[in-house]
Protein backbone atom coordinates (compact mmCIF):
# COMPACT_ATOMS: atom_id res chain seq x y z
CA MET A 1 46.87 3.55 16.78
CA THR A 2 49.13 1.17 15.83
CA SER A 3 52.24 -0.20 14.84
CA SER A 4 53.76 -1.71 11.85
CA THR A 5 55.41 -4.23 11.29
CA ILE A 6 58.36 -2.68 9.67
CA ALA A 7 60.41 -0.90 12.13
CA PRO A 8 61.13 2.36 10.74
CA THR A 9 64.73 2.76 9.68
CA THR A 10 65.79 6.66 8.58
CA ARG A 11 65.50 8.90 11.21
CA ASP A 12 62.62 10.87 8.99
CA ASP A 13 60.62 7.34 9.04
CA ARG A 14 61.05 7.04 12.88
CA PHE A 15 60.12 10.79 13.00
CA GLU A 16 56.71 10.63 10.81
CA ARG A 17 56.09 7.40 12.87
CA GLY A 18 56.26 9.20 16.16
CA MET A 19 54.19 12.19 15.32
CA ALA A 20 51.60 9.64 14.33
CA VAL A 21 51.38 8.49 17.53
CA LEU A 22 52.06 11.37 18.92
CA GLU A 23 48.88 13.01 17.50
CA ALA A 24 46.82 9.84 17.98
CA VAL A 25 47.34 10.40 22.64
CA ASP A 26 48.12 13.53 22.62
CA GLY A 27 46.04 15.52 19.83
CA ARG A 28 47.25 19.49 19.58
CA SER A 29 49.16 18.80 23.04
CA GLY A 30 52.14 17.56 21.23
CA GLN A 31 52.94 19.61 18.70
CA ARG A 32 52.51 22.57 21.20
CA VAL A 33 55.48 21.01 23.39
CA LEU A 34 57.38 20.73 20.37
CA ASP A 35 56.96 24.72 19.44
CA ALA A 36 57.85 25.39 22.74
CA LEU A 37 60.91 23.50 21.97
CA ALA A 38 61.81 24.51 18.47
CA ASP A 39 64.04 27.77 19.42
CA VAL A 40 66.05 25.95 22.89
CA SER A 41 66.49 22.22 22.23
CA PRO A 42 64.48 20.94 19.07
CA GLU A 43 67.04 18.63 19.59
CA LEU A 44 64.65 17.48 22.24
CA GLY A 45 61.63 17.49 20.87
CA ASN A 46 62.75 15.50 18.42
CA GLN A 47 63.93 12.81 20.68
CA VAL A 48 60.19 13.21 22.60
CA VAL A 49 58.44 12.29 19.00
CA SER A 50 61.10 9.16 17.01
CA TRP A 51 61.99 7.87 20.81
CA ALA A 52 59.76 8.24 22.92
CA PHE A 53 56.08 7.96 21.06
CA GLY A 54 57.72 6.60 17.19
CA GLU A 55 59.76 3.88 19.56
CA MET A 56 57.90 3.39 22.92
CA TYR A 57 54.56 4.73 22.69
CA ALA A 58 54.08 2.65 19.49
CA ARG A 59 55.06 -0.92 20.71
CA PRO A 60 52.21 -3.08 20.63
CA GLN A 61 52.83 -4.67 23.72
CA LEU A 62 50.49 -2.26 26.08
CA ALA A 63 47.68 -0.32 24.89
CA PRO A 64 47.77 3.05 25.14
CA ARG A 65 45.23 3.99 27.89
CA ASP A 66 47.78 1.08 30.09
CA ARG A 67 50.69 3.11 29.19
CA GLN A 68 48.74 6.54 30.09
CA LEU A 69 47.94 4.65 33.00
CA VAL A 70 51.45 3.64 34.04
CA THR A 71 52.83 7.21 32.59
CA LEU A 72 50.23 9.37 35.72
CA GLY A 73 51.26 6.42 38.02
CA ILE A 74 55.28 7.41 37.14
CA LEU A 75 54.97 10.85 36.93
CA THR A 76 52.95 11.26 39.82
CA ALA A 77 55.96 9.24 41.89
CA LEU A 78 58.34 11.22 40.56
CA GLY A 79 56.85 14.68 41.55
CA GLY A 80 57.43 18.28 40.85
CA CYS A 81 55.97 16.52 36.87
CA GLU A 82 52.82 18.74 37.14
CA ALA A 83 53.20 20.10 33.54
CA GLN A 84 53.39 16.81 32.18
CA LEU A 85 50.76 15.09 34.25
CA ASP A 86 48.61 18.06 32.29
CA VAL A 87 49.50 16.92 28.91
CA HIS A 88 49.55 13.20 30.35
CA VAL A 89 45.84 13.36 31.82
CA ASN A 90 44.68 15.19 28.63
CA ALA A 91 45.92 12.03 26.76
CA SER A 92 44.78 9.78 29.51
CA LEU A 93 41.07 10.88 28.69
CA ASN A 94 41.83 10.87 24.64
CA VAL A 95 42.71 7.06 25.11
CA GLY A 96 39.72 6.46 27.10
CA LEU A 97 40.53 6.32 30.62
CA THR A 98 37.56 7.77 32.10
CA ARG A 99 37.95 11.14 34.98
CA GLU A 100 37.12 8.15 37.48
CA GLU A 101 39.82 5.40 36.37
CA ILE A 102 42.60 9.07 36.46
CA VAL A 103 41.57 9.54 39.91
CA GLU A 104 41.41 6.13 41.33
CA ALA A 105 44.47 5.58 39.72
CA LEU A 106 46.37 9.08 41.57
CA LEU A 107 44.54 7.45 44.87
CA HIS A 108 46.17 4.56 44.81
CA ALA A 109 49.99 6.44 43.76
CA ALA A 110 49.22 8.06 47.43
CA VAL A 111 49.85 4.45 48.59
CA TYR A 112 53.17 4.52 46.88
CA ALA A 113 54.92 8.03 46.44
CA GLY A 114 52.90 9.95 49.10
CA MET A 115 50.63 11.98 50.32
CA PRO A 116 52.01 15.24 48.39
CA ARG A 117 52.75 13.96 45.39
CA ALA A 118 49.10 12.69 45.47
CA LEU A 119 47.91 15.90 45.85
CA ASN A 120 49.66 17.48 43.66
CA ALA A 121 48.73 15.23 40.77
CA THR A 122 45.52 15.04 41.72
CA PHE A 123 44.92 19.18 41.81
CA ALA A 124 46.77 18.85 38.06
CA ALA A 125 44.17 16.58 36.97
CA LYS A 126 41.31 18.40 38.35
CA LYS A 127 42.82 21.61 36.08
CA VAL A 128 42.16 19.57 33.76
CA PHE A 129 38.98 17.88 33.85
CA ALA A 130 38.06 22.05 34.93
CA GLU A 131 38.99 22.65 31.87
CA ARG A 132 37.16 20.22 29.46
CA GLY A 133 34.26 19.72 31.52
CA LEU A 134 34.20 16.99 33.71
CA LEU A 135 33.70 18.30 37.17
CA THR A 136 30.48 17.70 37.87
CA SER A 137 29.73 18.93 41.14
CA THR A 138 31.37 22.07 43.62
CA SER A 139 32.10 20.38 47.26
CA PRO A 140 33.54 22.63 49.78
CA GLY A 141 36.83 24.09 49.80
CA SER A 142 36.49 23.51 45.90
CA GLU A 143 37.22 27.66 45.19
CA ILE A 144 40.81 27.15 47.04
CA ASP A 145 42.90 27.80 45.15
CA HIS A 146 45.67 24.37 45.52
CA GLU A 147 48.43 26.06 44.29
CA GLY A 148 51.05 24.83 46.82
CA ALA A 149 49.06 22.79 48.92
CA GLY A 150 50.12 19.95 50.96
CA THR A 151 49.94 17.64 54.40
CA ARG A 152 51.00 19.19 57.39
């Protein structure tokens, strides 16, 4: 993913640049979000592509993998963002983060965001890892449905 030195000037230019960045980072996940928004808020879809990806993600000051680490930490801290974590765990893997690096980032987030949010984020990541064949072993309790799991 590279950004051009000339900033896009029209709405169509920003959208086109954003789509290129989105596809490089998210693959098909980004298009699915756009498709899901098409009948309710196509403008929100346009802003996600044009602004978030065409402007922010395209900035050269952070590498895509570093942007994903920041994103994982923020989504974990916010809580209630499991659907977005699903997309961004996939994106993190797409831009070169390893399963171990993602798990470590979510573990580290527990210090600042709290254990329940880190648990929820880790279970969201586990779902993605399972879908992508990245879970290496079955440990006791791994068959438990962790939906809504928390600490007491």
